[in-house]
Amino acid sequence: MTKAKALVITGNGTNCEMEAAHACKLGGFDEARIAHLSELMSGEVSLDDYHFLNLTGGFLDGDDLGSAKAQANRLRHATVAGKGEQIVEQLLRFIADGKLILGVCNGFQLLVKMGMLPAIGGDFLKQTATLTHNANGRFQDRWCYLKSDPASPSVYTRGIEGGVYLPIRHGE
């Protein structure tokens, strides 16, 4: 039987990777590996060996609005040492294989800056959206109610009736 394996990427100021890996284990993954971005670049770790990718948040490249663009450029242009393959090729294969990606905080920003969200027309490398400062101009740190859409195809919200109460902390 194939073991379900999760990969949590860390590096360049991200944090909460230990909590993310623990959540993956609680969610049923047999393995939850924490790997630095440099391990992808060196070829020591390959996305092909995992079923779930967790891009953590924290203070990626200084946590300024748009800071995830630097990481997006790294992932888009970095070549895996000794393989002649770019990391972005592994990411596109990961998506094509129907594997799951979760981006939290700066990880979400990263997915937007790469074009993987919303991926209009199936183009995962063309940025068609961006994030901006909160309408009130202030950092938000509170609990909120997130209403779920029963018609959504998202595996992350499937089976959630009504909604979920959760914490938010963001400036955009």
Foldseek 3Di string as FASTA:
>chain_A
DDFAEEEEEDDQFFDPLVVVQVVVVVVPGPYYYYDYPVCQQQVVDALVSHQEYEYGHGQHNHLDFVSLLVVLVCQVPRHRPPPRHGNVVSVVVSVVVVGYYHYDHSGVQNQLSQQCVPCVPVNSRDRPDGDDFDPVQDWDWAKDWDADDCPDPDPVCHPPPGTDIGIDTGGD
